[in-house]
C-alpha cells in the first residue's frame, strides 16, 4: 500500500474501537495479509477507512468457519464488500464449508447416540439418559 497522509487514515486503536475487534486480532489479520496498513512516521500502523468493512467481513467469515488461510485465498470482493452477497466467486467454497459442517454434525450426532446408549446400558434400561 502506498504511504498516504495518516490524517485521513485510522490508527489501530480507532479501527479496533470502530469494529469491536481487539488490536491484537487486527495486527494478526494485518500480518496474514488480510489488511493493508501503512506505517506512520512513528512506526505505528495506519489503515484506510475501508479497513472497517474488511475487519467486519473477516469476522463474519471466521464466524462461518473459514480459516485465515482460506480467507486470504478469496477474491478481493470478499473483503471489500460487507456481507459480500454479490461476490459469487466463493460460492463453491461456501458450499464445501457447509458440506463439511454437515458431515461434522452427523458425526457428532452419531457420537451422541452412542454415548446415550452407553449411559442407558450402565444405568439400566428403565432410566432415561441424562440430558
Protein backbone atom coordinates (compact mmCIF):
# COMPACT_ATOMS: atom_id res chain seq x y z
CA UNK A 1 0.00 0.00 0.00
CA UNK A 2 1.33 3.46 -0.83
CA UNK A 3 2.23 5.73 2.04
CA UNK A 4 -0.54 8.28 2.50
CA UNK A 5 -1.20 11.05 4.91
CA UNK A 6 -2.09 9.48 8.25
CA UNK A 7 -4.63 12.28 8.88
CA UNK A 8 -7.10 10.52 6.55
CA UNK A 9 -6.25 7.13 8.00
CA UNK A 10 -7.20 5.23 11.13
CA UNK A 11 -4.83 4.29 13.89
CA UNK A 12 -5.12 0.71 15.01
CA UNK A 13 -6.91 1.72 18.23
CA UNK A 14 -9.55 3.64 16.28
CA UNK A 15 -10.02 0.66 13.96
CA UNK A 16 -10.39 -1.60 16.97
CA UNK A 17 -12.97 0.71 18.52
CA UNK A 18 -14.91 1.08 15.24
CA UNK A 19 -15.13 -2.68 14.71
CA UNK A 20 -15.19 -4.06 18.25
CA UNK A 21 -12.23 -6.28 17.35
CA UNK A 22 -9.13 -6.35 19.53
CA UNK A 23 -5.95 -4.60 18.50
CA UNK A 24 -4.20 -7.96 18.75
CA UNK A 25 -6.62 -9.54 16.24
CA UNK A 26 -6.22 -6.61 13.84
CA UNK A 27 -2.43 -7.00 13.99
CA UNK A 28 -2.90 -10.71 13.33
CA UNK A 29 -5.06 -10.04 10.26
CA UNK A 30 -2.53 -7.49 9.03
CA UNK A 31 0.35 -9.95 9.48
CA UNK A 32 -1.57 -12.55 7.47
CA UNK A 33 -2.04 -10.15 4.57
CA UNK A 34 -5.77 -9.64 5.07
CA UNK A 35 -5.44 -5.92 5.72
CA UNK A 36 -3.18 -3.30 4.24
CA UNK A 37 -1.53 -0.93 6.66
CA UNK A 38 0.96 1.84 6.23
CA UNK A 39 3.50 2.84 8.83
CA UNK A 40 3.26 6.34 10.18
CA UNK A 41 6.44 8.29 10.92
CA UNK A 42 6.34 6.98 14.49
CA UNK A 43 6.16 3.37 13.25
CA UNK A 44 2.52 2.86 14.20
CA UNK A 45 0.16 1.12 11.81
CA UNK A 46 -2.37 3.25 9.96
CA UNK A 47 -5.33 1.90 7.98
CA UNK A 48 -7.62 3.30 5.31
CA UNK A 49 -11.28 3.66 6.31
CA UNK A 50 -12.18 0.62 4.17
CA UNK A 51 -10.40 -1.49 6.79
CA UNK A 52 -13.53 -1.16 8.96
CA UNK A 53 -15.51 -3.09 6.34
CA UNK A 54 -12.64 -5.54 5.84
CA UNK A 55 -12.34 -6.36 9.55
CA UNK A 56 -16.10 -6.84 9.89
CA UNK A 57 -16.12 -9.14 6.87
CA UNK A 58 -13.14 -11.13 8.19
CA UNK A 59 -15.05 -11.61 11.44
CA UNK A 60 -18.16 -12.81 9.56
CA UNK A 61 -16.10 -15.31 7.56
CA UNK A 62 -14.33 -16.61 10.66
CA UNK A 63 -17.72 -16.99 12.38
CA UNK A 64 -18.84 -19.06 9.36
CA UNK A 65 -15.90 -21.40 9.95
CA UNK A 66 -13.35 -20.21 7.41
CA UNK A 67 -9.66 -20.11 8.38
CA UNK A 68 -7.44 -17.08 7.79
CA UNK A 69 -5.61 -19.08 5.12
CA UNK A 70 -8.90 -19.72 3.30
CA UNK A 71 -9.99 -16.10 3.67
CA UNK A 72 -6.66 -14.91 2.24
CA UNK A 73 -7.32 -17.03 -0.87
CA UNK A 74 -10.70 -15.38 -1.52
CA UNK A 75 -11.00 -12.66 -4.15
CA UNK A 76 -10.79 -9.05 -3.01
CA UNK A 77 -14.55 -8.60 -3.33
CA UNK A 78 -14.95 -10.78 -0.23
CA UNK A 79 -13.19 -8.23 1.92
CA UNK A 80 -14.23 -5.03 0.25
CA UNK A 81 -18.00 -5.58 0.29
CA UNK A 82 -19.54 -6.06 3.71
CA UNK A 83 -21.77 -9.12 3.54
CA UNK A 84 -20.26 -9.88 0.11
CA UNK A 85 -23.51 -11.29 -1.23
CA UNK A 86 -22.57 -10.09 -4.70
CA UNK A 87 -19.27 -11.95 -4.72
CA UNK A 88 -20.14 -15.20 -6.47
CA UNK A 89 -16.50 -16.26 -6.79
CA UNK A 90 -16.60 -18.13 -3.49
CA UNK A 91 -19.98 -19.83 -3.79
CA UNK A 92 -18.17 -23.13 -4.24
CA UNK A 93 -16.05 -22.52 -1.12
CA UNK A 94 -19.21 -21.74 0.86
CA UNK A 95 -20.86 -24.96 -0.38
CA UNK A 96 -17.78 -27.00 0.55
CA UNK A 97 -17.71 -25.42 4.03
CA UNK A 98 -21.42 -26.19 4.51
CA UNK A 99 -20.92 -29.77 3.38
CA UNK A 100 -18.03 -30.19 5.81
CA UNK A 101 -20.11 -28.77 8.67
CA UNK A 102 -22.99 -31.10 7.86
CA UNK A 103 -20.61 -34.09 7.96
CA UNK A 104 -19.27 -32.92 11.32
CA UNK A 105 -22.80 -32.52 12.69
CA UNK A 106 -23.71 -36.04 11.53
CA UNK A 107 -20.58 -37.43 13.20
CA UNK A 108 -21.40 -35.59 16.44
CA UNK A 109 -24.98 -36.86 16.38
CA UNK A 110 -23.68 -40.41 15.94
CA UNK A 111 -21.33 -39.92 18.89
CA UNK A 112 -24.20 -38.54 20.98
CA UNK A 113 -26.39 -41.56 20.17
CA UNK A 114 -23.59 -43.93 21.12
CA UNK A 115 -22.87 -42.12 24.36
CA UNK A 116 -26.56 -42.07 25.31
CA UNK A 117 -26.74 -45.81 24.63
CA UNK A 118 -23.71 -46.37 26.85
CA UNK A 119 -25.30 -44.33 29.63
CA UNK A 120 -28.54 -46.28 29.34
CA UNK A 121 -26.63 -49.56 29.50
CA UNK A 122 -24.70 -48.51 32.58
CA UNK A 123 -27.74 -47.02 34.38
CA UNK A 124 -30.16 -49.79 33.49
CA UNK A 125 -32.59 -49.80 30.62
CA UNK A 126 -35.52 -48.46 32.72
CA UNK A 127 -33.97 -44.98 33.25
CA UNK A 128 -33.75 -42.11 30.81
CA UNK A 129 -30.23 -40.94 29.97
CA UNK A 130 -29.16 -37.62 31.44
CA UNK A 131 -29.73 -34.61 29.24
